[in-house]
Amino acid sequence: MKFSLAWADVAAQNTALKIALASVSVTAIILAAGLASASLKDPLIIDRACVTTAAITKSDSRTTGEIQSFIRTALAERFNSQSESTVYLSDEERHFRNEEQKKLKTSGFKQTLIVGDITVKDHEARVDSDRLIAVGDIRSAFRFPLRLQVFQVPRSETNPYGLILDKIEPEKTSSKQDERK
């Protein structure tokens, strides 16, 4: 075999290997890009019941309206005497609610919270509300401004808001005599 023929064979093999390497590299890059774009999409969740359907996923971001709706619902759970559910309350607030409701029940009182304006900033909210206390047919309403702290949890069927009412503090109200001083 001549040296020039052997060299031509090696050159042909090198060219074929370079073409194969280039096509495998391009394929790998295209697959990596496709995998990256697929991993950034929302997951497909299948809800299996009588009829199998794709469940609708919700984003983790919460609108101000959604937070205000949560606060109204959670405050009703915390303060209203007729409320039975405590899904949106932290363990500490659930304990405070149970103690408060025991005292109210032994005294024959019923309590309802009427929520007014809600101002939300980060994980804190300020609520201007009225506390309505009833004994039989006699009712008394008091101004009851609150400062709330809320934290996020994963959304679930029992807690579609994905929020928990962590801490409630009554705000100090200044009387007109304090303003004059």
Protein backbone atom coordinates (compact mmCIF):
# COMPACT_ATOMS: atom_id res chain seq x y z
CA MET A 1 0.00 0.00 0.00
CA LYS A 2 1.25 3.39 -0.89
CA PHE A 3 1.75 6.06 1.66
CA SER A 4 -0.39 8.61 -0.24
CA LEU A 5 -3.39 6.21 -0.36
CA ALA A 6 -3.09 5.52 3.38
CA TRP A 7 -2.93 9.25 4.07
CA ALA A 8 -6.02 9.89 1.89
CA ASP A 9 -7.91 7.19 3.87
CA VAL A 10 -6.99 8.81 7.19
CA ALA A 11 -7.99 12.27 5.87
CA ALA A 12 -11.37 10.89 4.69
CA GLN A 13 -11.98 9.26 8.07
CA ASN A 14 -11.04 12.52 9.87
CA THR A 15 -13.50 14.45 7.72
CA ALA A 16 -16.29 11.93 8.38
CA LEU A 17 -15.55 12.02 12.14
CA LYS A 18 -15.56 15.85 12.16
CA ILE A 19 -18.96 15.90 10.42
CA ALA A 20 -20.35 13.30 12.86
CA LEU A 21 -18.99 15.26 15.85
CA ALA A 22 -20.48 18.52 14.55
CA SER A 23 -23.92 16.94 13.98
CA VAL A 24 -23.91 15.29 17.46
CA SER A 25 -22.89 18.63 19.04
CA VAL A 26 -25.67 20.53 17.26
CA THR A 27 -28.19 17.85 18.29
CA ALA A 28 -27.02 18.05 21.93
CA ILE A 29 -27.34 21.86 21.94
CA ILE A 30 -30.86 21.70 20.45
CA LEU A 31 -31.93 19.06 23.01
CA ALA A 32 -30.45 21.11 25.90
CA ALA A 33 -32.35 24.22 24.76
CA GLY A 34 -35.58 22.23 24.45
CA LEU A 35 -35.10 20.70 27.89
CA ALA A 36 -34.41 24.12 29.43
CA SER A 37 -37.55 25.64 27.90
CA ALA A 38 -39.67 22.64 29.00
CA SER A 39 -38.36 22.85 32.58
CA LEU A 40 -39.39 26.52 32.85
CA LYS A 41 -43.04 25.82 32.00
CA ASP A 42 -45.69 25.27 34.69
CA PRO A 43 -46.08 21.59 35.52
CA LEU A 44 -48.97 19.58 34.12
CA ILE A 45 -50.95 18.17 37.03
CA ILE A 46 -53.48 15.46 36.32
CA ASP A 47 -56.54 15.41 38.57
CA ARG A 48 -57.88 11.89 38.80
CA ALA A 49 -61.53 11.67 39.74
CA CYS A 50 -64.50 10.24 37.88
CA VAL A 51 -63.24 12.13 34.85
CA THR A 52 -59.50 12.61 34.40
CA THR A 53 -58.64 16.22 33.56
CA ALA A 54 -55.66 18.51 33.75
CA ALA A 55 -55.83 20.53 36.96
CA ILE A 56 -55.44 24.29 36.75
CA THR A 57 -52.33 25.47 38.57
CA LYS A 58 -52.18 28.88 40.20
CA SER A 59 -49.16 31.10 40.42
CA ASP A 60 -47.44 31.82 43.72
CA SER A 61 -47.90 35.56 43.35
CA ARG A 62 -50.89 37.00 45.17
CA THR A 63 -52.88 40.05 44.17
CA THR A 64 -53.86 42.75 46.64
CA GLY A 65 -57.52 41.80 46.21
CA GLU A 66 -56.72 38.18 47.01
CA ILE A 67 -54.81 39.19 50.16
CA GLN A 68 -57.65 41.47 51.27
CA SER A 69 -60.16 38.66 50.72
CA PHE A 70 -57.95 36.34 52.77
CA ILE A 71 -57.74 38.89 55.59
CA ARG A 72 -61.54 39.28 55.71
CA THR A 73 -61.97 35.49 55.87
CA ALA A 74 -59.19 34.94 58.42
CA LEU A 75 -60.41 37.72 60.71
CA ALA A 76 -63.91 36.23 60.63
CA GLU A 77 -62.39 32.89 61.67
CA ARG A 78 -60.43 34.53 64.47
CA PHE A 79 -63.07 36.80 66.03
CA ASN A 80 -66.59 35.75 65.01
CA SER A 81 -68.30 33.57 67.61
CA GLN A 82 -70.30 31.59 65.04
CA SER A 83 -67.17 30.61 63.04
CA GLU A 84 -66.10 26.97 63.44
CA SER A 85 -63.16 26.77 61.04
CA THR A 86 -59.61 27.84 61.95
CA VAL A 87 -57.77 26.84 58.77
CA TYR A 88 -56.20 30.25 58.14
CA LEU A 89 -54.89 30.84 61.69
CA SER A 90 -51.47 30.05 63.15
CA ASP A 91 -51.31 27.79 66.19
CA GLU A 92 -50.80 30.77 68.50
CA GLU A 93 -53.82 32.67 67.13
CA ARG A 94 -55.91 29.48 67.24
CA HIS A 95 -55.05 29.16 70.94
CA PHE A 96 -55.95 32.83 71.60
CA ARG A 97 -59.25 32.36 69.75
CA ASN A 98 -60.20 29.30 71.78
CA GLU A 99 -59.43 31.05 75.09
CA GLU A 100 -61.33 34.19 74.07
CA GLN A 101 -64.37 32.24 72.85
CA LYS A 102 -64.50 30.25 76.12
CA LYS A 103 -64.60 33.50 78.11
CA LEU A 104 -67.26 34.99 75.85
CA LYS A 105 -69.39 31.86 75.96
CA THR A 106 -69.32 31.63 79.78
CA SER A 107 -70.38 35.30 79.95
CA GLY A 108 -73.14 34.81 77.37
CA PHE A 109 -71.55 37.18 74.85
CA LYS A 110 -71.32 36.79 71.09
CA GLN A 111 -68.77 38.63 69.02
CA THR A 112 -68.63 39.67 65.37
CA LEU A 113 -65.91 41.65 63.61
CA ILE A 114 -66.92 44.06 60.86
CA VAL A 115 -63.92 44.69 58.61
CA GLY A 116 -63.53 48.12 57.03
CA ASP A 117 -60.44 49.42 55.24
CA ILE A 118 -57.48 47.10 54.68
CA THR A 119 -54.00 48.42 53.86
CA VAL A 120 -51.46 45.79 52.78
CA LYS A 121 -47.69 46.33 52.73
CA ASP A 122 -45.31 43.36 52.38
CA HIS A 123 -46.25 40.74 54.97
CA GLU A 124 -48.03 43.25 57.20
CA ALA A 125 -51.51 44.71 57.00
CA ARG A 126 -53.44 47.37 58.85
CA VAL A 127 -57.18 46.91 59.26
CA ASP A 128 -59.74 49.44 60.41
CA SER A 129 -62.53 47.33 61.85
CA ASP A 130 -65.43 47.47 64.30
CA ARG A 131 -65.95 44.91 67.04
CA LEU A 132 -69.60 44.12 67.68
CA ILE A 133 -70.38 42.46 71.02
CA ALA A 134 -73.92 41.20 71.68
CA VAL A 135 -75.69 39.99 74.80
CA GLY A 136 -79.15 38.87 73.80
CA ASP A 137 -80.73 41.85 71.99
CA ILE A 138 -78.23 44.40 73.31
CA ARG A 139 -75.35 45.21 70.99
CA SER A 140 -72.30 47.43 71.39
CA ALA A 141 -69.86 48.40 68.65
CA PHE A 142 -66.29 49.53 69.29
CA ARG A 143 -63.62 50.79 66.94
CA PHE A 144 -61.01 48.03 66.70
CA PRO A 145 -57.96 48.91 64.53
CA LEU A 146 -55.61 45.97 64.02
CA ARG A 147 -52.10 45.30 62.74
CA LEU A 148 -51.68 41.83 61.19
CA GLN A 149 -48.73 39.73 60.14
CA VAL A 150 -49.23 37.13 57.42
CA PHE A 151 -46.90 34.45 56.11
CA GLN A 152 -47.03 32.31 53.01
CA VAL A 153 -47.49 28.55 52.82
CA PRO A 154 -48.01 26.34 49.77
CA ARG A 155 -51.51 26.56 48.30
CA SER A 156 -53.74 23.57 48.97
CA GLU A 157 -57.40 22.56 48.71
CA THR A 158 -57.99 23.52 52.33
CA ASN A 159 -56.02 26.78 52.01
CA PRO A 160 -56.36 28.07 48.43
CA TYR A 161 -54.93 31.46 49.43
CA GLY A 162 -51.65 29.91 50.57
CA LEU A 163 -51.53 32.36 53.49
CA ILE A 164 -51.66 32.02 57.28
CA LEU A 165 -52.63 34.77 59.74
CA ASP A 166 -49.65 34.70 62.07
CA LYS A 167 -50.05 37.56 64.51
CA ILE A 168 -52.78 40.06 65.37
CA GLU A 169 -52.06 43.14 67.46
CA PRO A 170 -54.61 45.82 68.34
CA GLU A 171 -53.29 49.25 67.42
CA LYS A 172 -53.25 52.00 69.98
CA THR A 173 -55.84 54.67 69.27
CA SER A 174 -55.22 58.17 70.46
CA SER A 175 -58.06 60.00 72.10
CA LYS A 176 -58.75 63.71 71.60
CA GLN A 177 -57.28 64.47 75.02
CA ASP A 178 -53.98 62.91 73.95
CA GLU A 179 -53.96 65.01 70.79
CA ARG A 180 -54.38 68.24 72.80
CA LYS A 181 -51.32 67.53 74.95
